[in-house]
Amino acid sequence: MSRDANPDVILLHAAADATRLAILRELSSDMSVCACDFTECCTTVSQPTISHHLRVLREAGWVRAEHRGANVSYTLCPDAAARFRQIAGELRSGVARPARALSIPVVGMDLPARSPGRTR
């Protein structure tokens, strides 16, 4: 399976995990968190697994890492949080959809053919 190049999909996919979501919530309440301190919010996950999740979040653009001596501190990227809020704001019920959203074919659904002589 190829990796999707759409930055919005990458951003959402990275956040769509319980541990990564807990990490993002922890980062949203603090300015900076040392990698070793995430074991408090993610008690069922080992430190190597937390490091893996932090790498996924960093590669997706959610977090920034800063080396401070032997430790690495993480901060939430404001641009990623703002983009997430923008994406979520676009998903409101009862709002007119842009034309591009209506033109996406539904897989497995046969659309009726239009008669050549009829117009809408």
N, C-alpha and C. Protein backbone atom coordinates (compact mmCIF):
# COMPACT_ATOMS: atom_id res chain seq x y z
N MET A 1 0.85 -1.18 0.00
CA MET A 1 0.00 0.00 0.00
C MET A 1 0.89 1.23 0.00
N SER A 2 0.59 2.18 -0.88
CA SER A 2 1.39 3.39 -0.95
C SER A 2 0.92 4.39 0.11
N ARG A 3 1.82 5.22 0.52
CA ARG A 3 1.52 6.21 1.54
C ARG A 3 0.86 7.41 0.88
N ASP A 4 -0.21 7.90 1.47
CA ASP A 4 -0.94 9.03 0.93
C ASP A 4 -0.08 10.29 1.06
N ALA A 5 -0.06 11.12 0.02
CA ALA A 5 0.74 12.33 0.01
C ALA A 5 -0.05 13.55 0.45
N ASN A 6 -1.35 13.41 0.68
CA ASN A 6 -2.17 14.53 1.10
C ASN A 6 -1.80 14.91 2.53
N PRO A 7 -1.31 16.13 2.77
CA PRO A 7 -0.87 16.50 4.11
C PRO A 7 -1.99 16.46 5.15
N ASP A 8 -3.24 16.71 4.74
CA ASP A 8 -4.35 16.62 5.69
C ASP A 8 -4.58 15.19 6.13
N VAL A 9 -4.48 14.25 5.20
CA VAL A 9 -4.65 12.83 5.53
C VAL A 9 -3.53 12.38 6.47
N ILE A 10 -2.32 12.80 6.18
CA ILE A 10 -1.17 12.44 7.03
C ILE A 10 -1.37 12.99 8.44
N LEU A 11 -1.81 14.24 8.54
CA LEU A 11 -2.04 14.87 9.84
C LEU A 11 -3.12 14.12 10.63
N LEU A 12 -4.24 13.83 9.98
CA LEU A 12 -5.34 13.13 10.66
C LEU A 12 -4.97 11.69 11.00
N HIS A 13 -4.28 11.03 10.09
CA HIS A 13 -3.90 9.64 10.34
C HIS A 13 -2.97 9.54 11.55
N ALA A 14 -2.07 10.48 11.68
CA ALA A 14 -1.14 10.45 12.82
C ALA A 14 -1.86 10.65 14.14
N ALA A 15 -2.92 11.43 14.15
CA ALA A 15 -3.66 11.69 15.39
C ALA A 15 -4.67 10.58 15.71
N ALA A 16 -4.93 9.69 14.74
CA ALA A 16 -5.96 8.68 14.90
C ALA A 16 -5.45 7.43 15.61
N ASP A 17 -4.90 7.61 16.76
CA ASP A 17 -4.40 6.52 17.59
C ASP A 17 -4.57 6.96 19.04
N ALA A 18 -5.01 6.08 19.90
CA ALA A 18 -5.29 6.45 21.29
C ALA A 18 -4.06 6.99 22.01
N THR A 19 -2.91 6.36 21.82
CA THR A 19 -1.69 6.82 22.49
C THR A 19 -1.24 8.16 21.94
N ARG A 20 -1.27 8.31 20.61
CA ARG A 20 -0.85 9.58 20.02
C ARG A 20 -1.80 10.71 20.40
N LEU A 21 -3.09 10.40 20.48
CA LEU A 21 -4.05 11.41 20.91
C LEU A 21 -3.79 11.83 22.37
N ALA A 22 -3.44 10.87 23.23
CA ALA A 22 -3.09 11.19 24.62
C ALA A 22 -1.85 12.07 24.67
N ILE A 23 -0.88 11.79 23.82
CA ILE A 23 0.34 12.61 23.75
C ILE A 23 -0.01 14.03 23.31
N LEU A 24 -0.85 14.17 22.29
CA LEU A 24 -1.25 15.49 21.81
C LEU A 24 -2.01 16.26 22.89
N ARG A 25 -2.85 15.58 23.61
CA ARG A 25 -3.59 16.24 24.71
C ARG A 25 -2.63 16.71 25.80
N GLU A 26 -1.65 15.88 26.11
CA GLU A 26 -0.65 16.26 27.11
C GLU A 26 0.13 17.49 26.64
N LEU A 27 0.50 17.50 25.38
CA LEU A 27 1.26 18.63 24.84
C LEU A 27 0.41 19.90 24.77
N SER A 28 -0.89 19.76 24.60
CA SER A 28 -1.74 20.94 24.51
C SER A 28 -1.91 21.63 25.86
N SER A 29 -1.61 20.92 26.93
CA SER A 29 -1.74 21.52 28.26
C SER A 29 -0.42 22.04 28.81
N ASP A 30 0.69 21.71 28.19
CA ASP A 30 2.00 22.16 28.64
C ASP A 30 2.74 22.83 27.49
N MET A 31 3.69 23.67 27.84
CA MET A 31 4.50 24.32 26.81
C MET A 31 5.46 23.32 26.17
N SER A 32 6.09 22.49 26.99
CA SER A 32 7.08 21.55 26.51
C SER A 32 7.09 20.35 27.46
N VAL A 33 7.23 19.16 26.88
CA VAL A 33 7.23 17.94 27.69
C VAL A 33 8.44 17.10 27.30
N CYS A 34 9.17 16.64 28.30
CA CYS A 34 10.29 15.75 28.06
C CYS A 34 9.75 14.38 27.64
N ALA A 35 10.43 13.74 26.72
CA ALA A 35 9.98 12.44 26.23
C ALA A 35 9.79 11.43 27.36
N CYS A 36 10.60 11.52 28.38
CA CYS A 36 10.49 10.58 29.50
C CYS A 36 9.24 10.80 30.34
N ASP A 37 8.60 11.96 30.23
CA ASP A 37 7.43 12.28 31.04
C ASP A 37 6.11 11.81 30.42
N PHE A 38 6.13 11.30 29.21
CA PHE A 38 4.90 10.83 28.60
C PHE A 38 4.43 9.51 29.19
N THR A 39 5.27 8.84 29.93
CA THR A 39 4.85 7.59 30.56
C THR A 39 3.75 7.83 31.59
N GLU A 40 3.61 9.08 32.07
CA GLU A 40 2.55 9.40 33.03
C GLU A 40 1.18 9.45 32.35
N CYS A 41 1.11 9.96 31.13
CA CYS A 41 -0.19 10.03 30.44
C CYS A 41 -0.47 8.75 29.64
N CYS A 42 0.56 7.97 29.41
CA CYS A 42 0.42 6.75 28.60
C CYS A 42 0.93 5.57 29.42
N THR A 43 0.24 5.27 30.51
CA THR A 43 0.72 4.29 31.49
C THR A 43 0.80 2.86 30.96
N THR A 44 0.04 2.53 29.93
CA THR A 44 0.04 1.14 29.43
C THR A 44 1.04 0.91 28.31
N VAL A 45 1.85 1.94 28.01
CA VAL A 45 2.76 1.86 26.86
C VAL A 45 4.19 2.03 27.35
N SER A 46 5.10 1.25 26.78
CA SER A 46 6.51 1.34 27.17
C SER A 46 7.18 2.55 26.53
N GLN A 47 8.33 2.94 27.09
CA GLN A 47 9.06 4.10 26.57
C GLN A 47 9.46 3.94 25.10
N PRO A 48 9.93 2.78 24.65
CA PRO A 48 10.24 2.64 23.22
C PRO A 48 9.01 2.84 22.32
N THR A 49 7.85 2.39 22.80
CA THR A 49 6.62 2.58 22.03
C THR A 49 6.23 4.05 22.00
N ILE A 50 6.40 4.75 23.10
CA ILE A 50 6.13 6.19 23.13
C ILE A 50 7.05 6.90 22.15
N SER A 51 8.31 6.50 22.12
CA SER A 51 9.26 7.10 21.17
C SER A 51 8.81 6.89 19.73
N HIS A 52 8.28 5.71 19.44
CA HIS A 52 7.75 5.44 18.10
C HIS A 52 6.59 6.40 17.79
N HIS A 53 5.66 6.54 18.73
CA HIS A 53 4.52 7.42 18.50
C HIS A 53 4.96 8.88 18.34
N LEU A 54 5.95 9.30 19.10
CA LEU A 54 6.47 10.66 18.96
C LEU A 54 7.10 10.87 17.59
N ARG A 55 7.76 9.85 17.07
CA ARG A 55 8.35 9.94 15.72
C ARG A 55 7.25 10.10 14.67
N VAL A 56 6.18 9.32 14.80
CA VAL A 56 5.05 9.42 13.86
C VAL A 56 4.47 10.84 13.91
N LEU A 57 4.26 11.37 15.11
CA LEU A 57 3.71 12.71 15.25
C LEU A 57 4.66 13.77 14.71
N ARG A 58 5.95 13.58 14.91
CA ARG A 58 6.95 14.53 14.39
C ARG A 58 6.97 14.52 12.87
N GLU A 59 6.94 13.33 12.27
CA GLU A 59 6.96 13.23 10.81
C GLU A 59 5.69 13.78 10.17
N ALA A 60 4.57 13.73 10.89
CA ALA A 60 3.31 14.26 10.37
C ALA A 60 3.20 15.77 10.56
N GLY A 61 4.11 16.33 11.35
CA GLY A 61 4.09 17.77 11.57
C GLY A 61 3.37 18.23 12.82
N TRP A 62 2.94 17.28 13.66
CA TRP A 62 2.22 17.63 14.88
C TRP A 62 3.13 18.22 15.96
N VAL A 63 4.35 17.68 16.08
CA VAL A 63 5.22 18.09 17.18
C VAL A 63 6.61 18.46 16.67
N ARG A 64 7.30 19.23 17.50
CA ARG A 64 8.71 19.57 17.27
C ARG A 64 9.52 19.00 18.42
N ALA A 65 10.70 18.52 18.09
CA ALA A 65 11.60 17.97 19.10
C ALA A 65 12.79 18.90 19.27
N GLU A 66 13.17 19.11 20.53
CA GLU A 66 14.34 19.94 20.83
C GLU A 66 15.22 19.19 21.83
N HIS A 67 16.48 19.00 21.46
CA HIS A 67 17.43 18.31 22.34
C HIS A 67 17.89 19.27 23.42
N ARG A 68 17.79 18.81 24.66
CA ARG A 68 18.26 19.58 25.82
C ARG A 68 19.16 18.67 26.63
N GLY A 69 20.42 18.70 26.31
CA GLY A 69 21.37 17.80 26.95
C GLY A 69 21.09 16.38 26.50
N ALA A 70 20.88 15.48 27.45
CA ALA A 70 20.59 14.08 27.12
C ALA A 70 19.10 13.85 26.88
N ASN A 71 18.28 14.85 27.16
CA ASN A 71 16.83 14.70 27.01
C ASN A 71 16.32 15.35 25.73
N VAL A 72 15.15 14.92 25.32
CA VAL A 72 14.47 15.52 24.17
C VAL A 72 13.12 16.02 24.66
N SER A 73 12.85 17.30 24.41
CA SER A 73 11.57 17.89 24.79
C SER A 73 10.73 18.09 23.54
N TYR A 74 9.43 17.91 23.70
CA TYR A 74 8.50 18.03 22.58
C TYR A 74 7.52 19.15 22.84
N THR A 75 7.17 19.86 21.76
CA THR A 75 6.15 20.89 21.81
C THR A 75 5.17 20.66 20.68
N LEU A 76 3.94 21.07 20.90
CA LEU A 76 2.90 20.98 19.88
C LEU A 76 3.12 22.09 18.86
N CYS A 77 3.07 21.76 17.59
CA CYS A 77 3.22 22.76 16.53
C CYS A 77 1.90 23.51 16.38
N PRO A 78 1.91 24.82 16.57
CA PRO A 78 0.67 25.59 16.47
C PRO A 78 0.03 25.50 15.08
N ASP A 79 0.84 25.40 14.03
CA ASP A 79 0.29 25.31 12.67
C ASP A 79 -0.51 24.03 12.49
N ALA A 80 -0.05 22.93 13.06
CA ALA A 80 -0.76 21.65 12.93
C ALA A 80 -2.09 21.72 13.68
N ALA A 81 -2.07 22.28 14.87
CA ALA A 81 -3.30 22.40 15.65
C ALA A 81 -4.30 23.31 14.93
N ALA A 82 -3.81 24.39 14.34
CA ALA A 82 -4.69 25.30 13.60
C ALA A 82 -5.28 24.61 12.37
N ARG A 83 -4.46 23.83 11.65
CA ARG A 83 -4.97 23.12 10.47
C ARG A 83 -6.01 22.08 10.88
N PHE A 84 -5.77 21.41 12.00
CA PHE A 84 -6.74 20.43 12.49
C PHE A 84 -8.08 21.11 12.79
N ARG A 85 -8.03 22.26 13.46
CA ARG A 85 -9.27 22.99 13.75
C ARG A 85 -9.96 23.43 12.46
N GLN A 86 -9.18 23.82 11.46
CA GLN A 86 -9.77 24.23 10.18
C GLN A 86 -10.45 23.05 9.49
N ILE A 87 -9.79 21.90 9.47
CA ILE A 87 -10.38 20.70 8.87
C ILE A 87 -11.67 20.34 9.59
N ALA A 88 -11.64 20.34 10.92
CA ALA A 88 -12.83 20.01 11.71
C ALA A 88 -13.95 21.01 11.45
N GLY A 89 -13.61 22.27 11.28
CA GLY A 89 -14.61 23.30 11.01
C GLY A 89 -15.29 23.12 9.67
N GLU A 90 -14.61 22.48 8.73
CA GLU A 90 -15.19 22.22 7.42
C GLU A 90 -16.20 21.08 7.44
N LEU A 91 -16.26 20.33 8.52
CA LEU A 91 -17.13 19.16 8.62
C LEU A 91 -18.36 19.46 9.45
N ARG A 92 -19.08 20.50 9.07
CA ARG A 92 -20.29 20.87 9.79
C ARG A 92 -21.52 20.40 9.04
N SER A 93 -22.47 19.92 9.77
CA SER A 93 -23.73 19.46 9.19
C SER A 93 -24.55 20.66 8.73
N GLY A 94 -25.21 20.51 7.58
CA GLY A 94 -26.09 21.56 7.09
C GLY A 94 -25.40 22.69 6.37
N VAL A 95 -24.12 22.58 6.10
CA VAL A 95 -23.39 23.63 5.40
C VAL A 95 -23.25 23.21 3.94
N ALA A 96 -23.44 24.16 3.03
CA ALA A 96 -23.29 23.87 1.60
C ALA A 96 -21.89 23.33 1.34
N ARG A 97 -21.84 22.27 0.57
CA ARG A 97 -20.56 21.63 0.27
C ARG A 97 -19.97 22.23 -0.99
N PRO A 98 -18.63 22.37 -1.03
CA PRO A 98 -18.00 22.86 -2.25
C PRO A 98 -18.18 21.85 -3.37
N ALA A 99 -18.15 22.31 -4.60
CA ALA A 99 -18.36 21.46 -5.77
C ALA A 99 -17.40 20.28 -5.81
N ARG A 100 -16.17 20.48 -5.39
CA ARG A 100 -15.18 19.40 -5.46
C ARG A 100 -15.57 18.24 -4.56
N ALA A 101 -16.25 18.51 -3.45
CA ALA A 101 -16.67 17.44 -2.55
C ALA A 101 -17.82 16.64 -3.15
N LEU A 102 -18.63 17.26 -3.99
CA LEU A 102 -19.76 16.57 -4.58
C LEU A 102 -19.37 15.72 -5.78
N SER A 103 -18.21 15.95 -6.35
CA SER A 103 -17.81 15.23 -7.55
C SER A 103 -17.05 13.94 -7.28
N ILE A 104 -16.88 13.58 -6.01
CA ILE A 104 -16.15 12.37 -5.67
C ILE A 104 -17.08 11.17 -5.90
N PRO A 105 -16.68 10.21 -6.75
CA PRO A 105 -17.53 9.05 -6.99
C PRO A 105 -17.58 8.14 -5.77
N VAL A 106 -18.71 7.52 -5.58
CA VAL A 106 -18.88 6.57 -4.49
C VAL A 106 -18.58 5.19 -5.04
N VAL A 107 -17.61 4.52 -4.46
CA VAL A 107 -17.20 3.21 -4.93
C VAL A 107 -18.33 2.21 -4.72
N GLY A 108 -18.63 1.43 -5.76
CA GLY A 108 -19.64 0.39 -5.66
C GLY A 108 -21.05 0.89 -5.87
N MET A 109 -21.20 2.15 -6.24
CA MET A 109 -22.54 2.70 -6.45
C MET A 109 -22.70 3.04 -7.93
N ASP A 110 -23.66 2.43 -8.58
CA ASP A 110 -23.92 2.70 -9.99
C ASP A 110 -24.81 3.93 -10.10
N LEU A 111 -24.34 4.93 -10.81
CA LEU A 111 -25.13 6.13 -11.01
C LEU A 111 -25.94 5.97 -12.27
N PRO A 112 -27.20 6.44 -12.28
CA PRO A 112 -28.03 6.31 -13.49
C PRO A 112 -27.46 7.16 -14.61
N ALA A 113 -27.52 6.61 -15.84
CA ALA A 113 -27.04 7.34 -17.00
C ALA A 113 -28.04 8.42 -17.36
N ARG A 114 -27.53 9.58 -17.79
CA ARG A 114 -28.42 10.66 -18.20
C ARG A 114 -28.80 10.47 -19.65
N SER A 115 -30.03 10.79 -19.96
CA SER A 115 -30.49 10.72 -21.36
C SER A 115 -29.87 11.87 -22.13
N PRO A 116 -29.40 11.63 -23.39
CA PRO A 116 -28.75 12.69 -24.13
C PRO A 116 -29.64 13.90 -24.37
N GLY A 117 -30.94 13.72 -24.48
CA GLY A 117 -31.84 14.83 -24.79
C GLY A 117 -32.29 15.61 -23.56
N ARG A 118 -32.00 15.12 -22.36
CA ARG A 118 -32.50 15.77 -21.15
C ARG A 118 -31.41 16.60 -20.50
N THR A 119 -31.77 17.73 -19.99
CA THR A 119 -30.86 18.57 -19.22
C THR A 119 -31.45 18.79 -17.86
N ARG A 120 -30.64 19.18 -16.96
CA ARG A 120 -31.10 19.43 -15.60
C ARG A 120 -31.63 20.80 -15.45
